[in-house]
N, C-alpha and C. Protein backbone atom coordinates (compact mmCIF):
# COMPACT_ATOMS: atom_id res chain seq x y z
N UNK A 1 -25.42 -6.68 51.91
CA UNK A 1 -24.72 -7.96 51.77
C UNK A 1 -23.28 -7.80 52.25
N UNK A 2 -22.78 -8.84 52.92
CA UNK A 2 -21.42 -8.81 53.43
C UNK A 2 -20.44 -8.75 52.26
N UNK A 3 -19.44 -7.85 52.38
CA UNK A 3 -18.47 -7.67 51.30
C UNK A 3 -17.69 -8.95 51.03
N UNK A 4 -17.34 -9.66 52.08
CA UNK A 4 -16.60 -10.91 51.90
C UNK A 4 -17.40 -11.93 51.11
N UNK A 5 -18.73 -12.00 51.39
CA UNK A 5 -19.58 -12.94 50.66
C UNK A 5 -19.71 -12.51 49.20
N UNK A 6 -19.79 -11.20 48.98
CA UNK A 6 -19.88 -10.68 47.60
C UNK A 6 -18.66 -11.08 46.79
N UNK A 7 -17.48 -10.86 47.38
CA UNK A 7 -16.23 -11.20 46.69
C UNK A 7 -16.14 -12.70 46.45
N UNK A 8 -16.57 -13.47 47.43
CA UNK A 8 -16.55 -14.92 47.29
C UNK A 8 -17.45 -15.39 46.15
N UNK A 9 -18.63 -14.81 46.04
CA UNK A 9 -19.56 -15.20 44.97
C UNK A 9 -19.01 -14.82 43.59
N UNK A 10 -18.41 -13.64 43.50
CA UNK A 10 -17.85 -13.21 42.22
C UNK A 10 -16.65 -14.07 41.84
N UNK A 11 -15.82 -14.40 42.81
CA UNK A 11 -14.68 -15.29 42.53
C UNK A 11 -15.17 -16.66 42.07
N UNK A 12 -16.23 -17.16 42.72
CA UNK A 12 -16.79 -18.44 42.30
C UNK A 12 -17.32 -18.39 40.87
N UNK A 13 -17.97 -17.25 40.52
CA UNK A 13 -18.49 -17.10 39.17
C UNK A 13 -17.37 -17.02 38.16
N UNK A 14 -16.30 -16.31 38.48
CA UNK A 14 -15.13 -16.24 37.59
C UNK A 14 -14.57 -17.64 37.38
N UNK A 15 -14.53 -18.43 38.43
CA UNK A 15 -14.01 -19.79 38.33
C UNK A 15 -14.90 -20.63 37.42
N UNK A 16 -16.21 -20.47 37.52
CA UNK A 16 -17.13 -21.20 36.66
C UNK A 16 -16.92 -20.85 35.19
N UNK A 17 -16.74 -19.54 34.93
CA UNK A 17 -16.56 -19.10 33.55
C UNK A 17 -15.26 -19.67 32.98
N UNK A 18 -14.19 -19.61 33.78
CA UNK A 18 -12.90 -20.13 33.32
C UNK A 18 -12.96 -21.63 33.09
N UNK A 19 -13.55 -22.35 34.03
CA UNK A 19 -13.62 -23.81 33.92
C UNK A 19 -14.52 -24.24 32.74
N UNK A 20 -15.48 -23.40 32.38
CA UNK A 20 -16.37 -23.71 31.26
C UNK A 20 -15.59 -23.85 29.96
N UNK A 21 -14.48 -23.13 29.85
CA UNK A 21 -13.67 -23.20 28.63
C UNK A 21 -12.78 -24.42 28.59
N UNK A 22 -12.72 -25.17 29.70
CA UNK A 22 -11.82 -26.33 29.80
C UNK A 22 -12.58 -27.65 29.91
N UNK A 23 -13.89 -27.58 30.06
CA UNK A 23 -14.67 -28.82 30.21
C UNK A 23 -14.56 -29.67 28.96
N UNK A 24 -14.74 -29.04 27.83
CA UNK A 24 -14.66 -29.73 26.54
C UNK A 24 -13.67 -28.96 25.68
N UNK A 25 -12.45 -29.49 25.57
CA UNK A 25 -11.39 -28.75 24.87
C UNK A 25 -11.69 -28.56 23.38
N UNK A 26 -12.51 -29.41 22.81
CA UNK A 26 -12.83 -29.26 21.39
C UNK A 26 -13.60 -27.96 21.11
N UNK A 27 -14.15 -27.35 22.16
CA UNK A 27 -14.89 -26.11 21.97
C UNK A 27 -13.96 -25.01 21.49
N UNK A 28 -12.65 -25.18 21.69
CA UNK A 28 -11.69 -24.17 21.27
C UNK A 28 -11.57 -24.09 19.75
N UNK A 29 -12.08 -25.08 19.04
CA UNK A 29 -12.16 -24.96 17.58
C UNK A 29 -13.08 -23.81 17.19
N UNK A 30 -14.03 -23.48 18.08
CA UNK A 30 -14.92 -22.36 17.84
C UNK A 30 -14.44 -21.10 18.56
N UNK A 31 -13.93 -21.26 19.77
CA UNK A 31 -13.52 -20.09 20.53
C UNK A 31 -12.27 -19.43 19.99
N UNK A 32 -11.29 -20.24 19.61
CA UNK A 32 -10.00 -19.68 19.17
C UNK A 32 -10.13 -18.72 17.99
N UNK A 33 -10.85 -19.07 16.91
CA UNK A 33 -10.97 -18.11 15.80
C UNK A 33 -11.62 -16.79 16.23
N UNK A 34 -12.61 -16.86 17.11
CA UNK A 34 -13.28 -15.65 17.55
C UNK A 34 -12.34 -14.78 18.37
N UNK A 35 -11.61 -15.40 19.29
CA UNK A 35 -10.69 -14.64 20.14
C UNK A 35 -9.57 -14.02 19.31
N UNK A 36 -9.01 -14.82 18.39
CA UNK A 36 -7.94 -14.30 17.55
C UNK A 36 -8.44 -13.14 16.67
N UNK A 37 -9.62 -13.32 16.10
CA UNK A 37 -10.19 -12.26 15.26
C UNK A 37 -10.46 -11.01 16.07
N UNK A 38 -10.99 -11.17 17.25
CA UNK A 38 -11.29 -10.03 18.14
C UNK A 38 -10.02 -9.26 18.47
N UNK A 39 -8.98 -9.99 18.92
CA UNK A 39 -7.72 -9.34 19.28
C UNK A 39 -7.10 -8.66 18.06
N UNK A 40 -7.14 -9.34 16.91
CA UNK A 40 -6.55 -8.79 15.69
C UNK A 40 -7.23 -7.49 15.28
N UNK A 41 -8.55 -7.46 15.36
CA UNK A 41 -9.29 -6.26 15.01
C UNK A 41 -8.93 -5.10 15.94
N UNK A 42 -8.85 -5.39 17.23
CA UNK A 42 -8.51 -4.33 18.19
C UNK A 42 -7.11 -3.81 17.95
N UNK A 43 -6.17 -4.69 17.66
CA UNK A 43 -4.79 -4.26 17.38
C UNK A 43 -4.75 -3.43 16.09
N UNK A 44 -5.51 -3.85 15.09
CA UNK A 44 -5.56 -3.11 13.84
C UNK A 44 -6.12 -1.70 14.07
N UNK A 45 -7.17 -1.62 14.87
CA UNK A 45 -7.77 -0.31 15.16
C UNK A 45 -6.78 0.60 15.89
N UNK A 46 -5.94 -0.01 16.75
CA UNK A 46 -4.95 0.79 17.43
C UNK A 46 -3.81 1.22 16.54
N UNK A 47 -3.38 0.33 15.63
CA UNK A 47 -2.30 0.65 14.71
C UNK A 47 -2.72 1.65 13.64
N UNK A 48 -4.00 1.72 13.35
CA UNK A 48 -4.51 2.63 12.32
C UNK A 48 -5.63 3.49 12.90
N UNK A 49 -5.27 4.39 13.82
CA UNK A 49 -6.31 5.19 14.50
C UNK A 49 -7.04 6.15 13.58
N UNK A 50 -6.47 6.42 12.41
CA UNK A 50 -7.13 7.34 11.50
C UNK A 50 -8.31 6.68 10.78
N UNK A 51 -8.40 5.36 10.86
CA UNK A 51 -9.50 4.64 10.22
C UNK A 51 -10.60 4.37 11.24
N UNK A 52 -11.83 4.66 10.86
CA UNK A 52 -12.98 4.42 11.71
C UNK A 52 -13.68 3.13 11.30
N UNK A 53 -14.46 2.59 12.24
CA UNK A 53 -15.26 1.41 11.91
C UNK A 53 -16.22 1.76 10.79
N UNK A 54 -16.27 0.91 9.77
CA UNK A 54 -17.16 1.14 8.65
C UNK A 54 -18.40 0.26 8.71
N UNK A 55 -19.38 0.56 7.90
CA UNK A 55 -20.59 -0.23 7.86
C UNK A 55 -20.29 -1.68 7.47
N UNK A 56 -19.31 -1.85 6.59
CA UNK A 56 -19.00 -3.21 6.14
C UNK A 56 -18.44 -4.06 7.30
N UNK A 57 -17.64 -3.43 8.18
CA UNK A 57 -17.12 -4.15 9.34
C UNK A 57 -18.24 -4.54 10.29
N UNK A 58 -19.15 -3.62 10.53
CA UNK A 58 -20.28 -3.91 11.41
C UNK A 58 -21.17 -5.00 10.81
N UNK A 59 -21.33 -4.94 9.50
CA UNK A 59 -22.10 -5.97 8.80
C UNK A 59 -21.47 -7.35 8.98
N UNK A 60 -20.14 -7.40 8.84
CA UNK A 60 -19.43 -8.67 9.00
C UNK A 60 -19.52 -9.18 10.44
N UNK A 61 -19.51 -8.26 11.41
CA UNK A 61 -19.66 -8.67 12.81
C UNK A 61 -21.01 -9.34 13.04
N UNK A 62 -22.04 -8.78 12.41
CA UNK A 62 -23.37 -9.39 12.52
C UNK A 62 -23.41 -10.78 11.91
N UNK A 63 -22.73 -10.97 10.79
CA UNK A 63 -22.64 -12.29 10.17
C UNK A 63 -21.95 -13.27 11.10
N UNK A 64 -20.86 -12.84 11.74
CA UNK A 64 -20.12 -13.70 12.66
C UNK A 64 -21.00 -14.14 13.82
N UNK A 65 -21.75 -13.19 14.39
CA UNK A 65 -22.62 -13.52 15.51
C UNK A 65 -23.71 -14.49 15.09
N UNK A 66 -24.24 -14.31 13.89
CA UNK A 66 -25.32 -15.19 13.41
C UNK A 66 -24.83 -16.62 13.20
N UNK A 67 -23.66 -16.79 12.58
CA UNK A 67 -23.22 -18.16 12.31
C UNK A 67 -22.84 -18.89 13.59
N UNK A 68 -22.30 -18.14 14.56
CA UNK A 68 -22.00 -18.74 15.86
C UNK A 68 -23.29 -19.21 16.54
N UNK A 69 -24.30 -18.36 16.49
CA UNK A 69 -25.58 -18.71 17.13
C UNK A 69 -26.24 -19.89 16.43
N UNK A 70 -26.22 -19.89 15.11
CA UNK A 70 -26.83 -21.00 14.35
C UNK A 70 -26.11 -22.31 14.66
N UNK A 71 -24.78 -22.25 14.79
CA UNK A 71 -24.03 -23.46 15.15
C UNK A 71 -24.42 -23.95 16.53
N UNK A 72 -24.64 -23.02 17.46
CA UNK A 72 -25.04 -23.40 18.81
C UNK A 72 -26.44 -24.02 18.81
N UNK A 73 -27.33 -23.49 17.98
CA UNK A 73 -28.67 -24.08 17.86
C UNK A 73 -28.57 -25.48 17.26
N UNK A 74 -27.70 -25.65 16.27
CA UNK A 74 -27.50 -26.98 15.69
C UNK A 74 -27.05 -27.97 16.75
N UNK A 75 -26.09 -27.56 17.58
CA UNK A 75 -25.60 -28.44 18.63
C UNK A 75 -26.69 -28.73 19.64
N UNK A 76 -27.53 -27.74 19.93
CA UNK A 76 -28.60 -27.91 20.89
C UNK A 76 -29.56 -29.00 20.45
N UNK A 77 -29.89 -29.05 19.17
CA UNK A 77 -30.79 -30.09 18.66
C UNK A 77 -30.07 -31.41 18.47
N UNK A 78 -28.75 -31.36 18.37
CA UNK A 78 -27.96 -32.57 18.30
C UNK A 78 -27.88 -33.25 19.66
N UNK A 79 -28.01 -32.44 20.72
CA UNK A 79 -28.01 -32.94 22.10
C UNK A 79 -29.31 -32.51 22.78
N UNK A 80 -30.45 -33.09 22.40
CA UNK A 80 -31.74 -32.66 22.95
C UNK A 80 -31.90 -32.94 24.43
N UNK A 81 -31.06 -33.79 25.01
CA UNK A 81 -31.14 -34.09 26.43
C UNK A 81 -30.41 -33.07 27.29
N UNK A 82 -29.86 -32.04 26.68
CA UNK A 82 -29.12 -31.02 27.40
C UNK A 82 -30.06 -30.32 28.37
N UNK A 83 -29.55 -30.01 29.57
CA UNK A 83 -30.38 -29.34 30.57
C UNK A 83 -30.80 -27.97 30.09
N UNK A 84 -31.99 -27.55 30.53
CA UNK A 84 -32.54 -26.24 30.19
C UNK A 84 -32.63 -26.07 28.67
N UNK A 85 -33.11 -27.10 28.00
CA UNK A 85 -33.16 -27.07 26.53
C UNK A 85 -34.01 -25.90 26.05
N UNK A 86 -35.24 -25.77 26.60
CA UNK A 86 -36.16 -24.73 26.13
C UNK A 86 -35.56 -23.34 26.39
N UNK A 87 -34.99 -23.14 27.59
CA UNK A 87 -34.42 -21.84 27.92
C UNK A 87 -33.25 -21.50 27.00
N UNK A 88 -32.38 -22.49 26.76
CA UNK A 88 -31.24 -22.25 25.88
C UNK A 88 -31.73 -21.90 24.47
N UNK A 89 -32.72 -22.63 23.99
CA UNK A 89 -33.22 -22.40 22.64
C UNK A 89 -33.79 -20.99 22.50
N UNK A 90 -34.59 -20.57 23.50
CA UNK A 90 -35.21 -19.23 23.43
C UNK A 90 -34.13 -18.14 23.44
N UNK A 91 -33.15 -18.28 24.34
CA UNK A 91 -32.10 -17.26 24.42
C UNK A 91 -31.27 -17.23 23.14
N UNK A 92 -31.00 -18.39 22.58
CA UNK A 92 -30.26 -18.44 21.32
C UNK A 92 -31.03 -17.76 20.21
N UNK A 93 -32.35 -17.93 20.19
CA UNK A 93 -33.18 -17.24 19.20
C UNK A 93 -33.11 -15.73 19.37
N UNK A 94 -33.07 -15.28 20.63
CA UNK A 94 -32.95 -13.84 20.89
C UNK A 94 -31.61 -13.31 20.36
N UNK A 95 -30.54 -14.05 20.64
CA UNK A 95 -29.21 -13.64 20.15
C UNK A 95 -29.17 -13.65 18.63
N UNK A 96 -29.81 -14.66 18.02
CA UNK A 96 -29.88 -14.73 16.56
C UNK A 96 -30.64 -13.52 16.02
N UNK A 97 -31.74 -13.17 16.68
CA UNK A 97 -32.47 -11.97 16.26
C UNK A 97 -31.64 -10.71 16.37
N UNK A 98 -30.82 -10.64 17.39
CA UNK A 98 -29.92 -9.50 17.56
C UNK A 98 -28.92 -9.44 16.42
N UNK A 99 -28.36 -10.61 16.07
CA UNK A 99 -27.42 -10.66 14.95
C UNK A 99 -28.08 -10.23 13.64
N UNK A 100 -29.32 -10.66 13.43
CA UNK A 100 -30.06 -10.27 12.20
C UNK A 100 -30.31 -8.75 12.21
N UNK A 101 -30.64 -8.22 13.39
CA UNK A 101 -30.83 -6.77 13.51
C UNK A 101 -29.55 -6.02 13.13
N UNK A 102 -28.40 -6.52 13.60
CA UNK A 102 -27.12 -5.88 13.27
C UNK A 102 -26.88 -5.92 11.77
N UNK A 103 -27.16 -7.06 11.16
CA UNK A 103 -26.95 -7.21 9.72
C UNK A 103 -27.83 -6.23 8.94
N UNK A 104 -29.11 -6.19 9.28
CA UNK A 104 -30.05 -5.32 8.56
C UNK A 104 -29.73 -3.86 8.81
N UNK A 105 -29.43 -3.52 10.08
CA UNK A 105 -29.12 -2.14 10.40
C UNK A 105 -27.86 -1.65 9.72
N UNK A 106 -26.85 -2.53 9.61
CA UNK A 106 -25.61 -2.15 8.95
C UNK A 106 -25.79 -2.08 7.44
N UNK A 107 -26.66 -2.91 6.91
CA UNK A 107 -26.86 -2.94 5.45
C UNK A 107 -27.68 -1.74 4.98
N UNK A 108 -28.71 -1.40 5.74
CA UNK A 108 -29.62 -0.32 5.31
C UNK A 108 -29.17 1.06 5.80
N UNK A 109 -28.26 1.11 6.76
CA UNK A 109 -27.76 2.39 7.31
C UNK A 109 -28.90 3.21 7.91
N UNK A 110 -29.89 2.55 8.49
CA UNK A 110 -31.02 3.26 9.07
C UNK A 110 -30.76 3.69 10.52
N UNK A 111 -29.81 3.02 11.17
CA UNK A 111 -29.46 3.33 12.55
C UNK A 111 -28.25 4.25 12.54
N UNK A 112 -28.23 5.30 13.40
CA UNK A 112 -27.05 6.20 13.43
C UNK A 112 -25.76 5.42 13.62
N UNK A 113 -24.70 5.87 12.97
CA UNK A 113 -23.43 5.17 12.99
C UNK A 113 -22.88 5.05 14.40
N UNK A 114 -23.02 6.10 15.22
CA UNK A 114 -22.50 6.04 16.58
C UNK A 114 -23.19 4.96 17.40
N UNK A 115 -24.49 4.83 17.21
CA UNK A 115 -25.23 3.80 17.93
C UNK A 115 -24.85 2.41 17.45
N UNK A 116 -24.79 2.25 16.13
CA UNK A 116 -24.48 0.94 15.57
C UNK A 116 -23.03 0.55 15.86
N UNK A 117 -22.15 1.53 15.98
CA UNK A 117 -20.75 1.22 16.28
C UNK A 117 -20.62 0.55 17.64
N UNK A 118 -21.50 0.92 18.57
CA UNK A 118 -21.50 0.25 19.88
C UNK A 118 -22.23 -1.08 19.82
N UNK A 119 -23.42 -1.08 19.21
CA UNK A 119 -24.24 -2.30 19.17
C UNK A 119 -23.57 -3.42 18.38
N UNK A 120 -22.80 -3.05 17.35
CA UNK A 120 -22.17 -4.05 16.49
C UNK A 120 -20.66 -3.97 16.53
N UNK A 121 -20.11 -3.28 17.54
CA UNK A 121 -18.67 -3.18 17.66
C UNK A 121 -18.02 -4.51 18.03
N UNK A 122 -16.74 -4.66 17.78
CA UNK A 122 -16.06 -5.92 18.06
C UNK A 122 -16.18 -6.39 19.51
N UNK A 123 -16.04 -5.48 20.46
CA UNK A 123 -16.04 -5.89 21.87
C UNK A 123 -17.36 -6.54 22.25
N UNK A 124 -18.48 -5.90 21.94
CA UNK A 124 -19.78 -6.45 22.32
C UNK A 124 -20.11 -7.70 21.52
N UNK A 125 -19.90 -7.68 20.23
CA UNK A 125 -20.31 -8.80 19.37
C UNK A 125 -19.49 -10.05 19.68
N UNK A 126 -18.18 -9.92 19.77
CA UNK A 126 -17.36 -11.11 19.96
C UNK A 126 -17.43 -11.64 21.40
N UNK A 127 -17.61 -10.75 22.36
CA UNK A 127 -17.84 -11.22 23.74
C UNK A 127 -19.15 -11.97 23.80
N UNK A 128 -20.20 -11.42 23.20
CA UNK A 128 -21.50 -12.09 23.18
C UNK A 128 -21.40 -13.42 22.44
N UNK A 129 -20.64 -13.46 21.36
CA UNK A 129 -20.49 -14.71 20.60
C UNK A 129 -19.82 -15.80 21.44
N UNK A 130 -18.80 -15.42 22.20
CA UNK A 130 -18.09 -16.39 23.04
C UNK A 130 -19.03 -16.92 24.12
N UNK A 131 -19.76 -16.03 24.77
CA UNK A 131 -20.70 -16.46 25.80
C UNK A 131 -21.80 -17.33 25.21
N UNK A 132 -22.25 -16.99 24.00
CA UNK A 132 -23.29 -17.77 23.32
C UNK A 132 -22.82 -19.20 23.07
N UNK A 133 -21.58 -19.35 22.65
CA UNK A 133 -21.05 -20.70 22.41
C UNK A 133 -21.02 -21.51 23.70
N UNK A 134 -20.52 -20.92 24.78
CA UNK A 134 -20.43 -21.64 26.05
C UNK A 134 -21.83 -21.98 26.57
N UNK A 135 -22.75 -21.07 26.43
CA UNK A 135 -24.14 -21.29 26.89
C UNK A 135 -24.84 -22.31 26.00
N UNK A 136 -24.73 -22.13 24.70
CA UNK A 136 -25.43 -23.01 23.77
C UNK A 136 -24.95 -24.44 23.80
N UNK A 137 -23.68 -24.64 24.16
CA UNK A 137 -23.13 -25.99 24.23
C UNK A 137 -23.21 -26.60 25.62
N UNK A 138 -23.93 -25.94 26.50
CA UNK A 138 -24.16 -26.49 27.82
C UNK A 138 -22.95 -26.49 28.72
N UNK A 139 -21.96 -25.66 28.44
CA UNK A 139 -20.74 -25.62 29.23
C UNK A 139 -20.80 -24.57 30.34
N UNK A 140 -21.72 -23.63 30.23
CA UNK A 140 -21.82 -22.55 31.20
C UNK A 140 -23.29 -22.28 31.49
N UNK A 141 -23.64 -22.29 32.77
CA UNK A 141 -24.98 -21.93 33.19
C UNK A 141 -25.00 -20.48 33.63
N UNK A 142 -25.92 -19.70 33.09
CA UNK A 142 -25.96 -18.27 33.39
C UNK A 142 -26.79 -18.05 34.65
N UNK A 143 -26.16 -18.21 35.78
CA UNK A 143 -26.79 -17.89 37.06
C UNK A 143 -26.71 -16.38 37.27
N UNK A 144 -27.46 -15.85 38.24
CA UNK A 144 -27.38 -14.40 38.50
C UNK A 144 -25.95 -13.91 38.76
N UNK A 145 -25.18 -14.67 39.55
CA UNK A 145 -23.83 -14.26 39.85
C UNK A 145 -22.93 -14.36 38.61
N UNK A 146 -23.16 -15.36 37.79
CA UNK A 146 -22.40 -15.48 36.56
C UNK A 146 -22.72 -14.33 35.62
N UNK A 147 -24.00 -13.95 35.56
CA UNK A 147 -24.41 -12.84 34.69
C UNK A 147 -23.74 -11.54 35.15
N UNK A 148 -23.75 -11.29 36.44
CA UNK A 148 -23.10 -10.08 36.97
C UNK A 148 -21.60 -10.10 36.67
N UNK A 149 -21.00 -11.27 36.87
CA UNK A 149 -19.56 -11.38 36.62
C UNK A 149 -19.22 -11.21 35.15
N UNK A 150 -20.07 -11.73 34.28
CA UNK A 150 -19.86 -11.55 32.84
C UNK A 150 -19.93 -10.08 32.47
N UNK A 151 -20.83 -9.35 33.10
CA UNK A 151 -20.91 -7.90 32.85
C UNK A 151 -19.60 -7.20 33.25
N UNK A 152 -19.11 -7.52 34.44
CA UNK A 152 -17.85 -6.92 34.90
C UNK A 152 -16.68 -7.34 33.99
N UNK A 153 -16.72 -8.59 33.56
CA UNK A 153 -15.65 -9.09 32.69
C UNK A 153 -15.68 -8.36 31.35
N UNK A 154 -16.87 -8.09 30.84
CA UNK A 154 -16.98 -7.35 29.59
C UNK A 154 -16.42 -5.93 29.73
N UNK A 155 -16.78 -5.27 30.84
CA UNK A 155 -16.29 -3.91 31.08
C UNK A 155 -14.77 -3.92 31.18
N UNK A 156 -14.21 -4.91 31.88
CA UNK A 156 -12.76 -4.99 32.03
C UNK A 156 -12.07 -5.19 30.69
N UNK A 157 -12.59 -6.14 29.90
CA UNK A 157 -11.99 -6.42 28.60
C UNK A 157 -12.12 -5.24 27.65
N UNK A 158 -13.30 -4.62 27.62
CA UNK A 158 -13.51 -3.47 26.73
C UNK A 158 -12.57 -2.33 27.13
N UNK A 159 -12.41 -2.12 28.45
CA UNK A 159 -11.50 -1.08 28.91
C UNK A 159 -10.05 -1.40 28.57
N UNK A 160 -9.68 -2.68 28.73
CA UNK A 160 -8.30 -3.08 28.40
C UNK A 160 -7.99 -2.89 26.93
N UNK A 161 -8.94 -3.23 26.07
CA UNK A 161 -8.73 -3.05 24.64
C UNK A 161 -8.69 -1.56 24.28
N UNK A 162 -9.47 -0.75 24.99
CA UNK A 162 -9.43 0.69 24.73
C UNK A 162 -8.07 1.27 25.08
N UNK A 163 -7.52 0.84 26.22
CA UNK A 163 -6.19 1.28 26.61
C UNK A 163 -5.15 0.80 25.61
N UNK A 164 -5.28 -0.45 25.17
CA UNK A 164 -4.34 -1.00 24.18
C UNK A 164 -4.38 -0.18 22.89
N UNK A 165 -5.57 0.18 22.44
CA UNK A 165 -5.68 0.97 21.20
C UNK A 165 -5.03 2.33 21.38
N UNK A 166 -5.21 2.94 22.55
CA UNK A 166 -4.60 4.25 22.81
C UNK A 166 -3.08 4.16 22.79
N UNK A 167 -2.55 3.10 23.41
CA UNK A 167 -1.10 2.93 23.44
C UNK A 167 -0.54 2.68 22.04
N UNK A 168 -1.22 1.86 21.27
CA UNK A 168 -0.77 1.58 19.91
C UNK A 168 -0.89 2.83 19.03
N UNK A 169 -1.94 3.62 19.25
CA UNK A 169 -2.13 4.83 18.46
C UNK A 169 -1.02 5.83 18.73
N UNK A 170 -0.59 5.94 19.98
CA UNK A 170 0.51 6.86 20.31
C UNK A 170 1.81 6.39 19.67
N UNK A 171 2.05 5.08 19.69
CA UNK A 171 3.24 4.54 19.04
C UNK A 171 3.18 4.77 17.54
N UNK A 172 1.97 4.61 16.97
CA UNK A 172 1.79 4.79 15.54
C UNK A 172 2.08 6.23 15.14
N UNK A 173 1.58 7.18 15.94
CA UNK A 173 1.76 8.59 15.62
C UNK A 173 3.23 8.98 15.74
N UNK A 174 3.92 8.43 16.75
CA UNK A 174 5.31 8.75 16.93
C UNK A 174 6.24 8.08 15.94
N UNK A 175 5.77 6.98 15.34
CA UNK A 175 6.62 6.20 14.45
C UNK A 175 6.72 6.82 13.06
N UNK A 176 5.65 7.45 12.60
CA UNK A 176 5.66 8.04 11.25
C UNK A 176 5.25 9.51 11.33
N UNK A 177 6.09 10.35 11.91
CA UNK A 177 5.72 11.76 12.05
C UNK A 177 5.68 12.51 10.75
N UNK A 178 6.29 11.97 9.70
CA UNK A 178 6.38 12.70 8.43
C UNK A 178 5.19 12.44 7.53
N UNK A 179 4.32 11.50 7.92
CA UNK A 179 3.19 11.17 7.06
C UNK A 179 1.92 11.78 7.63
N UNK A 180 1.15 12.50 6.83
CA UNK A 180 -0.11 13.06 7.33
C UNK A 180 -1.14 11.97 7.52
N UNK A 181 -1.89 12.05 8.61
CA UNK A 181 -2.96 11.08 8.91
C UNK A 181 -4.29 11.79 8.83
N UNK A 182 -5.17 11.39 7.92
CA UNK A 182 -6.47 12.05 7.79
C UNK A 182 -7.22 12.00 9.12
N UNK A 183 -7.76 13.14 9.52
CA UNK A 183 -8.56 13.18 10.72
C UNK A 183 -7.76 13.45 11.98
N UNK A 184 -6.41 13.49 11.90
CA UNK A 184 -5.55 13.74 13.06
C UNK A 184 -4.86 15.08 12.84
N UNK A 185 -5.02 16.04 13.78
CA UNK A 185 -4.38 17.34 13.61
C UNK A 185 -2.88 17.20 13.44
N UNK A 186 -2.28 18.07 12.67
CA UNK A 186 -0.87 17.97 12.33
C UNK A 186 0.01 18.09 13.56
N UNK A 187 -0.42 18.93 14.54
CA UNK A 187 0.42 19.12 15.72
C UNK A 187 0.51 17.84 16.54
N UNK A 188 -0.47 16.94 16.44
CA UNK A 188 -0.42 15.69 17.16
C UNK A 188 0.45 14.65 16.48
N UNK A 189 0.75 14.88 15.24
CA UNK A 189 1.54 13.91 14.50
C UNK A 189 3.03 14.07 14.80
N UNK A 190 3.42 15.23 15.25
CA UNK A 190 4.86 15.46 15.46
C UNK A 190 5.48 15.93 14.14
N UNK A 191 6.56 16.64 14.26
CA UNK A 191 7.25 17.12 13.06
C UNK A 191 6.59 18.34 12.46
N UNK A 192 5.57 18.91 13.15
CA UNK A 192 4.90 20.08 12.60
C UNK A 192 5.79 21.29 12.56
N UNK A 193 6.63 21.44 13.60
CA UNK A 193 7.52 22.60 13.64
C UNK A 193 8.54 22.54 12.52
N UNK A 194 9.08 21.33 12.25
CA UNK A 194 10.06 21.20 11.19
C UNK A 194 9.46 21.54 9.83
N UNK A 195 8.20 21.09 9.60
CA UNK A 195 7.57 21.40 8.32
C UNK A 195 7.28 22.88 8.19
N UNK A 196 6.91 23.52 9.33
CA UNK A 196 6.63 24.94 9.28
C UNK A 196 7.91 25.73 8.97
N UNK A 197 9.06 25.27 9.54
CA UNK A 197 10.32 25.95 9.24
C UNK A 197 10.70 25.78 7.79
N UNK A 198 10.40 24.59 7.23
CA UNK A 198 10.71 24.38 5.83
C UNK A 198 9.89 25.33 4.95
N UNK A 199 8.61 25.53 5.32
CA UNK A 199 7.75 26.42 4.55
C UNK A 199 8.27 27.85 4.62
N UNK A 200 8.65 28.28 5.84
CA UNK A 200 9.15 29.64 6.00
C UNK A 200 10.45 29.82 5.23
N UNK A 201 11.31 28.79 5.22
CA UNK A 201 12.57 28.87 4.51
C UNK A 201 12.36 29.04 3.01
N UNK A 202 11.34 28.36 2.50
CA UNK A 202 11.06 28.46 1.06
C UNK A 202 10.55 29.85 0.71
N UNK A 203 9.75 30.42 1.64
CA UNK A 203 9.22 31.75 1.36
C UNK A 203 10.32 32.77 1.30
N UNK A 204 11.33 32.61 2.19
CA UNK A 204 12.45 33.53 2.20
C UNK A 204 13.30 33.33 0.95
């Protein structure tokens, strides 16, 4: 495929995704809380790198995904004339099933934590929730090019949040060098040499 045509198709898909958020401005009553919560969680994770995602957080993410999906299903039946009704309904049921899986897996602890941290992590869950709202409310049609672009957009956002967490973690470590952080080696916290000199001074 011609590179110029590829770029043109991806740009068109990006435009469709962006315009989908502006077609019906009232949709931001649903989008805004999710985006704010997503950003807040990522900032918190960066500011407190010593804390890991817990089962309770993953469980709450599953709840968030389920209520978003149920609301989209409600809207779908409120607007039965919406195009691709059957397809939207089936996909929403799949997403709802995924949310239920996250809830059960987080509650029972049957899935390894590393696996569940990805499957129910903030980036995947909240990105999927946002796309579900746009799809379920008939504001975005998932064409092949839109699907590919959504994948690239997810990778970009997940990478950007990862970089943000790393930057915040470095600032956090440099800001409080005198406080020990569980799970972080002392030499990475800074101030290790000063504490070692204090220990040696006391011994003398």
